[in-house]
Amino acid sequence: MSTTPLQERRAKEALQAARRATERDKARRQEPQKRCASCGAPVHHEPQEGEGLPCGH
């Protein structure tokens, strides 16, 4: 049984999408979310010099 060009293209696109999703998941796992050392609240961005965290620490 042979495949049509459309089936081949769809299979190739599905494989590429799966690879992109895998790479995205790997990137997310490699960067653990930073947390406040005092209370454990998530830190979405590092404060500037002299600024505190949004949680008050």
Protein backbone atom coordinates (compact mmCIF):
# COMPACT_ATOMS: atom_id res chain seq x y z
CA MET A 1 0.00 0.00 0.00
CA SER A 2 1.56 3.31 -1.02
CA THR A 3 0.99 6.71 0.51
CA THR A 4 -0.16 9.78 -1.34
CA PRO A 5 1.82 13.01 -1.37
CA LEU A 6 -0.86 14.57 0.86
CA GLN A 7 -0.47 11.81 3.45
CA GLU A 8 3.30 12.17 3.36
CA ARG A 9 3.07 15.94 3.82
CA ARG A 10 0.65 15.60 6.75
CA ALA A 11 2.89 13.00 8.40
CA LYS A 12 5.92 15.27 7.98
CA GLU A 13 4.04 18.28 9.42
CA ALA A 14 2.83 16.21 12.37
CA LEU A 15 6.39 15.05 13.08
CA GLN A 16 7.70 18.62 12.93
CA ALA A 17 4.96 19.83 15.29
CA ALA A 18 5.77 17.03 17.73
CA ARG A 19 9.47 17.96 17.65
CA ARG A 20 8.66 21.63 18.30
CA ALA A 21 6.43 20.68 21.24
CA THR A 22 9.16 18.47 22.66
CA GLU A 23 11.74 21.26 22.41
CA ARG A 24 9.30 23.69 24.08
CA ASP A 25 8.72 21.24 26.93
CA LYS A 26 12.46 20.71 27.41
CA ALA A 27 13.03 24.47 27.59
CA ARG A 28 10.32 24.85 30.22
CA ARG A 29 11.76 22.05 32.35
CA GLN A 30 15.29 23.46 32.23
CA GLU A 31 14.26 26.80 33.70
CA PRO A 32 12.77 26.23 37.15
CA GLN A 33 10.61 29.11 38.30
CA LYS A 34 12.40 31.38 40.74
CA ARG A 35 10.80 31.69 44.16
CA CYS A 36 11.16 33.97 47.15
CA ALA A 37 13.58 32.40 49.62
CA SER A 38 11.48 33.65 52.56
CA CYS A 39 7.92 32.68 51.65
CA GLY A 40 8.18 30.60 48.45
CA ALA A 41 6.07 32.99 46.34
CA PRO A 42 6.86 32.82 42.60
CA VAL A 43 9.14 35.57 41.29
CA HIS A 44 8.14 36.59 37.76
CA HIS A 45 10.94 39.14 37.33
CA GLU A 46 13.95 40.06 39.40
CA PRO A 47 13.57 43.34 41.31
CA GLN A 48 15.84 46.29 40.55
CA GLU A 49 18.49 47.40 43.04
CA GLY A 50 16.78 48.71 46.18
CA GLU A 51 13.38 47.23 45.20
CA GLY A 52 11.70 44.43 47.10
CA LEU A 53 9.75 41.52 45.74
CA PRO A 54 5.99 41.85 45.17
CA CYS A 55 5.40 39.59 48.17
CA GLY A 56 7.01 42.21 50.44
CA HIS A 57 10.38 40.51 50.98
